[in-house]
Amino acid sequence: MRHPIAAILFAALVLAACSRDETPPPAPKLFAEQRDALDRAKDVGTTQLEAADQQRRAMEQQAQ
């Protein structure tokens, strides 16, 4: 190459011209329904553990 600086400047100009100034649209939420169902199931599991803990404490208090 006779003009490496010119080639570098040309490449930079092409890359700058191809870049978008606007922000890209948000990515679609994949498997959103499945994630929501899993989150609800985790909440139910936590609720069940809390209920079991309360029941255990109540049984211990009755035993005393």
PDB file of N, CA and C in Angstrom:
ATOM      1  N   MET A   1       0.839  -1.179   0.000  1.00  0.00           N
ATOM      2  CA  MET A   1       0.000   0.000   0.000  1.00  0.00           C
ATOM      3  C   MET A   1       0.886   1.245   0.000  1.00  0.00           C
ATOM      4  N   ARG A   2       0.533   2.164  -0.808  1.00  0.00           N
ATOM      5  CA  ARG A   2       1.332   3.381  -0.884  1.00  0.00           C
ATOM      6  C   ARG A   2       0.906   4.410   0.152  1.00  0.00           C
ATOM      7  N   HIS A   3      -0.365   4.388   0.485  1.00  0.00           N
ATOM      8  CA  HIS A   3      -0.886   5.403   1.398  1.00  0.00           C
ATOM      9  C   HIS A   3      -1.633   4.723   2.551  1.00  0.00           C
ATOM     10  N   PRO A   4      -0.906   4.195   3.542  1.00  0.00           N
ATOM     11  CA  PRO A   4      -1.607   3.512   4.644  1.00  0.00           C
ATOM     12  C   PRO A   4      -2.444   4.468   5.485  1.00  0.00           C
ATOM     13  N   ILE A   5      -2.017   5.690   5.615  1.00  0.00           N
ATOM     14  CA  ILE A   5      -2.795   6.654   6.403  1.00  0.00           C
ATOM     15  C   ILE A   5      -4.111   6.961   5.700  1.00  0.00           C
ATOM     16  N   ALA A   6      -4.086   7.067   4.392  1.00  0.00           N
ATOM     17  CA  ALA A   6      -5.307   7.328   3.630  1.00  0.00           C
ATOM     18  C   ALA A   6      -6.268   6.156   3.772  1.00  0.00           C
ATOM     19  N   ALA A   7      -5.746   4.939   3.760  1.00  0.00           N
ATOM     20  CA  ALA A   7      -6.599   3.758   3.913  1.00  0.00           C
ATOM     21  C   ALA A   7      -7.231   3.731   5.293  1.00  0.00           C
ATOM     22  N   ILE A   8      -6.468   4.088   6.310  1.00  0.00           N
ATOM     23  CA  ILE A   8      -7.002   4.116   7.675  1.00  0.00           C
ATOM     24  C   ILE A   8      -8.074   5.188   7.800  1.00  0.00           C
ATOM     25  N   LEU A   9      -7.824   6.366   7.235  1.00  0.00           N
ATOM     26  CA  LEU A   9      -8.817   7.437   7.283  1.00  0.00           C
ATOM     27  C   LEU A   9     -10.085   7.052   6.518  1.00  0.00           C
ATOM     28  N   PHE A  10      -9.917   6.381   5.388  1.00  0.00           N
ATOM     29  CA  PHE A  10     -11.074   5.937   4.603  1.00  0.00           C
ATOM     30  C   PHE A  10     -11.887   4.925   5.411  1.00  0.00           C
ATOM     31  N   ALA A  11     -11.212   3.973   6.067  1.00  0.00           N
ATOM     32  CA  ALA A  11     -11.915   2.966   6.871  1.00  0.00           C
ATOM     33  C   ALA A  11     -12.667   3.636   8.022  1.00  0.00           C
ATOM     34  N   ALA A  12     -12.029   4.614   8.662  1.00  0.00           N
ATOM     35  CA  ALA A  12     -12.694   5.317   9.757  1.00  0.00           C
ATOM     36  C   ALA A  12     -13.912   6.078   9.247  1.00  0.00           C
ATOM     37  N   LEU A  13     -13.797   6.685   8.092  1.00  0.00           N
ATOM     38  CA  LEU A  13     -14.910   7.425   7.512  1.00  0.00           C
ATOM     39  C   LEU A  13     -16.073   6.496   7.178  1.00  0.00           C
ATOM     40  N   VAL A  14     -15.769   5.337   6.621  1.00  0.00           N
ATOM     41  CA  VAL A  14     -16.818   4.368   6.275  1.00  0.00           C
ATOM     42  C   VAL A  14     -17.510   3.873   7.543  1.00  0.00           C
ATOM     43  N   LEU A  15     -16.731   3.561   8.573  1.00  0.00           N
ATOM     44  CA  LEU A  15     -17.330   3.086   9.821  1.00  0.00           C
ATOM     45  C   LEU A  15     -18.189   4.164  10.471  1.00  0.00           C
ATOM     46  N   ALA A  16     -17.739   5.394  10.420  1.00  0.00           N
ATOM     47  CA  ALA A  16     -18.512   6.488  10.999  1.00  0.00           C
ATOM     48  C   ALA A  16     -19.806   6.709  10.225  1.00  0.00           C
ATOM     49  N   ALA A  17     -19.751   6.551   8.924  1.00  0.00           N
ATOM     50  CA  ALA A  17     -20.941   6.753   8.103  1.00  0.00           C
ATOM     51  C   ALA A  17     -21.955   5.640   8.307  1.00  0.00           C
ATOM     52  N   CYS A  18     -21.480   4.452   8.628  1.00  0.00           N
ATOM     53  CA  CYS A  18     -22.374   3.311   8.790  1.00  0.00           C
ATOM     54  C   CYS A  18     -22.992   3.230  10.180  1.00  0.00           C
ATOM     55  N   SER A  19     -22.427   3.930  11.131  1.00  0.00           N
ATOM     56  CA  SER A  19     -22.969   3.843  12.488  1.00  0.00           C
ATOM     57  C   SER A  19     -24.299   4.580  12.564  1.00  0.00           C
ATOM     58  N   ARG A  20     -25.168   4.089  13.462  1.00  0.00           N
ATOM     59  CA  ARG A  20     -26.487   4.696  13.618  1.00  0.00           C
ATOM     60  C   ARG A  20     -26.458   5.650  14.790  1.00  0.00           C
ATOM     61  N   ASP A  21     -27.093   6.793  14.616  1.00  0.00           N
ATOM     62  CA  ASP A  21     -27.185   7.754  15.699  1.00  0.00           C
ATOM     63  C   ASP A  21     -28.347   7.445  16.637  1.00  0.00           C
ATOM     64  N   GLU A  22     -29.347   6.762  16.123  1.00  0.00           N
ATOM     65  CA  GLU A  22     -30.515   6.457  16.931  1.00  0.00           C
ATOM     66  C   GLU A  22     -30.267   5.188  17.744  1.00  0.00           C
ATOM     67  N   THR A  23     -30.929   5.113  18.866  1.00  0.00           N
ATOM     68  CA  THR A  23     -30.767   3.929  19.704  1.00  0.00           C
ATOM     69  C   THR A  23     -31.557   2.776  19.095  1.00  0.00           C
ATOM     70  N   PRO A  24     -31.020   1.572  19.195  1.00  0.00           N
ATOM     71  CA  PRO A  24     -31.745   0.431  18.635  1.00  0.00           C
ATOM     72  C   PRO A  24     -32.982   0.128  19.468  1.00  0.00           C
ATOM     73  N   PRO A  25     -33.979  -0.478  18.871  1.00  0.00           N
ATOM     74  CA  PRO A  25     -35.189  -0.810  19.632  1.00  0.00           C
ATOM     75  C   PRO A  25     -34.854  -1.850  20.695  1.00  0.00           C
ATOM     76  N   PRO A  26     -35.596  -1.874  21.792  1.00  0.00           N
ATOM     77  CA  PRO A  26     -35.302  -2.860  22.833  1.00  0.00           C
ATOM     78  C   PRO A  26     -35.505  -4.280  22.317  1.00  0.00           C
ATOM     79  N   ALA A  27     -34.686  -5.166  22.830  1.00  0.00           N
ATOM     80  CA  ALA A  27     -34.772  -6.571  22.412  1.00  0.00           C
ATOM     81  C   ALA A  27     -36.080  -7.161  22.933  1.00  0.00           C
ATOM     82  N   PRO A  28     -36.703  -8.019  22.160  1.00  0.00           N
ATOM     83  CA  PRO A  28     -37.946  -8.632  22.635  1.00  0.00           C
ATOM     84  C   PRO A  28     -37.651  -9.540  23.823  1.00  0.00           C
ATOM     85  N   LYS A  29     -38.592  -9.582  24.739  1.00  0.00           N
ATOM     86  CA  LYS A  29     -38.414 -10.438  25.909  1.00  0.00           C
ATOM     87  C   LYS A  29     -38.761 -11.870  25.516  1.00  0.00           C
ATOM     88  N   LEU A  30     -37.735 -12.671  25.452  1.00  0.00           N
ATOM     89  CA  LEU A  30     -37.937 -14.068  25.097  1.00  0.00           C
ATOM     90  C   LEU A  30     -38.388 -14.849  26.324  1.00  0.00           C
ATOM     91  N   PHE A  31     -39.329 -15.713  26.131  1.00  0.00           N
ATOM     92  CA  PHE A  31     -39.824 -16.596  27.178  1.00  0.00           C
ATOM     93  C   PHE A  31     -40.339 -15.818  28.388  1.00  0.00           C
ATOM     94  N   ALA A  32     -40.944 -14.665  28.149  1.00  0.00           N
ATOM     95  CA  ALA A  32     -41.445 -13.840  29.252  1.00  0.00           C
ATOM     96  C   ALA A  32     -42.525 -14.568  30.040  1.00  0.00           C
ATOM     97  N   GLU A  33     -43.406 -15.269  29.357  1.00  0.00           N
ATOM     98  CA  GLU A  33     -44.483 -15.986  30.050  1.00  0.00           C
ATOM     99  C   GLU A  33     -43.920 -17.073  30.951  1.00  0.00           C
ATOM    100  N   GLN A  34     -42.913 -17.788  30.453  1.00  0.00           N
ATOM    101  CA  GLN A  34     -42.314 -18.855  31.246  1.00  0.00           C
ATOM    102  C   GLN A  34     -41.590 -18.286  32.473  1.00  0.00           C
ATOM    103  N   ARG A  35     -40.888 -17.165  32.290  1.00  0.00           N
ATOM    104  CA  ARG A  35     -40.194 -16.548  33.427  1.00  0.00           C
ATOM    105  C   ARG A  35     -41.189 -16.066  34.473  1.00  0.00           C
ATOM    106  N   ASP A  36     -42.298 -15.498  34.011  1.00  0.00           N
ATOM    107  CA  ASP A  36     -43.323 -15.038  34.944  1.00  0.00           C
ATOM    108  C   ASP A  36     -43.909 -16.212  35.728  1.00  0.00           C
ATOM    109  N   ALA A  37     -44.145 -17.316  35.040  1.00  0.00           N
ATOM    110  CA  ALA A  37     -44.680 -18.505  35.715  1.00  0.00           C
ATOM    111  C   ALA A  37     -43.689 -19.027  36.748  1.00  0.00           C
ATOM    112  N   LEU A  38     -42.409 -19.030  36.415  1.00  0.00           N
ATOM    113  CA  LEU A  38     -41.399 -19.476  37.377  1.00  0.00           C
ATOM    114  C   LEU A  38     -41.338 -18.549  38.582  1.00  0.00           C
ATOM    115  N   ASP A  39     -41.443 -17.248  38.345  1.00  0.00           N
ATOM    116  CA  ASP A  39     -41.433 -16.297  39.454  1.00  0.00           C
ATOM    117  C   ASP A  39     -42.630 -16.519  40.378  1.00  0.00           C
ATOM    118  N   ARG A  40     -43.799 -16.768  39.781  1.00  0.00           N
ATOM    119  CA  ARG A  40     -44.983 -17.035  40.602  1.00  0.00           C
ATOM    120  C   ARG A  40     -44.811 -18.324  41.395  1.00  0.00           C
ATOM    121  N   ALA A  41     -44.210 -19.331  40.768  1.00  0.00           N
ATOM    122  CA  ALA A  41     -43.988 -20.604  41.461  1.00  0.00           C
ATOM    123  C   ALA A  41     -43.012 -20.420  42.624  1.00  0.00           C
ATOM    124  N   LYS A  42     -42.001 -19.589  42.441  1.00  0.00           N
ATOM    125  CA  LYS A  42     -41.069 -19.322  43.540  1.00  0.00           C
ATOM    126  C   LYS A  42     -41.787 -18.629  44.689  1.00  0.00           C
ATOM    127  N   ASP A  43     -42.680 -17.707  44.357  1.00  0.00           N
ATOM    128  CA  ASP A  43     -43.440 -17.014  45.392  1.00  0.00           C
ATOM    129  C   ASP A  43     -44.319 -17.990  46.164  1.00  0.00           C
ATOM    130  N   VAL A  44     -44.948 -18.921  45.440  1.00  0.00           N
ATOM    131  CA  VAL A  44     -45.803 -19.915  46.090  1.00  0.00           C
ATOM    132  C   VAL A  44     -44.960 -20.808  46.992  1.00  0.00           C
ATOM    133  N   GLY A  45     -43.778 -21.195  46.524  1.00  0.00           N
ATOM    134  CA  GLY A  45     -42.894 -22.024  47.337  1.00  0.00           C
ATOM    135  C   GLY A  45     -42.482 -21.323  48.613  1.00  0.00           C
ATOM    136  N   THR A  46     -42.180 -20.043  48.524  1.00  0.00           N
ATOM    137  CA  THR A  46     -41.818 -19.264  49.714  1.00  0.00           C
ATOM    138  C   THR A  46     -42.992 -19.187  50.677  1.00  0.00           C
ATOM    139  N   THR A  47     -44.180 -18.970  50.151  1.00  0.00           N
ATOM    140  CA  THR A  47     -45.383 -18.891  50.983  1.00  0.00           C
ATOM    141  C   THR A  47     -45.626 -20.218  51.691  1.00  0.00           C
ATOM    142  N   GLN A  48     -45.437 -21.318  50.989  1.00  0.00           N
ATOM    143  CA  GLN A  48     -45.634 -22.633  51.591  1.00  0.00           C
ATOM    144  C   GLN A  48     -44.621 -22.880  52.706  1.00  0.00           C
ATOM    145  N   LEU A  49     -43.371 -22.481  52.495  1.00  0.00           N
ATOM    146  CA  LEU A  49     -42.359 -22.653  53.531  1.00  0.00           C
ATOM    147  C   LEU A  49     -42.689 -21.820  54.767  1.00  0.00           C
ATOM    148  N   GLU A  50     -43.171 -20.612  54.564  1.00  0.00           N
ATOM    149  CA  GLU A  50     -43.544 -19.764  55.693  1.00  0.00           C
ATOM    150  C   GLU A  50     -44.723 -20.363  56.456  1.00  0.00           C
ATOM    151  N   ALA A  51     -45.704 -20.900  55.736  1.00  0.00           N
ATOM    152  CA  ALA A  51     -46.870 -21.505  56.382  1.00  0.00           C
ATOM    153  C   ALA A  51     -46.448 -22.743  57.175  1.00  0.00           C
ATOM    154  N   ALA A  52     -45.562 -23.547  56.616  1.00  0.00           N
ATOM    155  CA  ALA A  52     -45.088 -24.735  57.315  1.00  0.00           C
ATOM    156  C   ALA A  52     -44.309 -24.346  58.568  1.00  0.00           C
ATOM    157  N   ASP A  53     -43.530 -23.284  58.487  1.00  0.00           N
ATOM    158  CA  ASP A  53     -42.770 -22.818  59.643  1.00  0.00           C
ATOM    159  C   ASP A  53     -43.713 -22.327  60.740  1.00  0.00           C
ATOM    160  N   GLN A  54     -44.748 -21.595  60.363  1.00  0.00           N
ATOM    161  CA  GLN A  54     -45.713 -21.123  61.349  1.00  0.00           C
ATOM    162  C   GLN A  54     -46.435 -22.294  62.009  1.00  0.00           C
ATOM    163  N   GLN A  55     -46.784 -23.293  61.212  1.00  0.00           N
ATOM    164  CA  GLN A  55     -47.473 -24.463  61.749  1.00  0.00           C
ATOM    165  C   GLN A  55     -46.557 -25.216  62.712  1.00  0.00           C
ATOM    166  N   ARG A  56     -45.286 -25.332  62.386  1.00  0.00           N
ATOM    167  CA  ARG A  56     -44.325 -26.011  63.255  1.00  0.00           C
ATOM    168  C   ARG A  56     -44.211 -25.267  64.589  1.00  0.00           C
ATOM    169  N   ARG A  57     -44.126 -23.928  64.517  1.00  0.00           N
ATOM    170  CA  ARG A  57     -44.025 -23.150  65.748  1.00  0.00           C
ATOM    171  C   ARG A  57     -45.274 -23.301  66.604  1.00  0.00           C
ATOM    172  N   ALA A  58     -46.439 -23.324  65.964  1.00  0.00           N
ATOM    173  CA  ALA A  58     -47.696 -23.482  66.702  1.00  0.00           C
ATOM    174  C   ALA A  58     -47.741 -24.850  67.381  1.00  0.00           C
ATOM    175  N   MET A  59     -47.282 -25.886  66.699  1.00  0.00           N
ATOM    176  CA  MET A  59     -47.271 -27.218  67.290  1.00  0.00           C
ATOM    177  C   MET A  59     -46.285 -27.283  68.454  1.00  0.00           C
ATOM    178  N   GLU A  60     -45.147 -26.605  68.341  1.00  0.00           N
ATOM    179  CA  GLU A  60     -44.172 -26.590  69.436  1.00  0.00           C
ATOM    180  C   GLU A  60     -44.725 -25.858  70.645  1.00  0.00           C
ATOM    181  N   GLN A  61     -45.469 -24.784  70.408  1.00  0.00           N
ATOM    182  CA  GLN A  61     -46.041 -24.046  71.532  1.00  0.00           C
ATOM    183  C   GLN A  61     -47.124 -24.862  72.241  1.00  0.00           C
ATOM    184  N   GLN A  62     -47.880 -25.653  71.463  1.00  0.00           N
ATOM    185  CA  GLN A  62     -48.921 -26.490  72.070  1.00  0.00           C
ATOM    186  C   GLN A  62     -48.270 -27.615  72.890  1.00  0.00           C
ATOM    187  N   ALA A  63     -47.128 -28.089  72.446  1.00  0.00           N
ATOM    188  CA  ALA A  63     -46.465 -29.185  73.130  1.00  0.00           C
ATOM    189  C   ALA A  63     -45.875 -28.734  74.459  1.00  0.00           C
ATOM    190  N   GLN A  64     -45.637 -27.469  74.631  1.00  0.00           N
ATOM    191  CA  GLN A  64     -45.024 -26.989  75.881  1.00  0.00           C
ATOM    192  C   GLN A  64     -45.986 -26.861  76.975  1.00  0.00           C
TER     193      GLN A  64
END
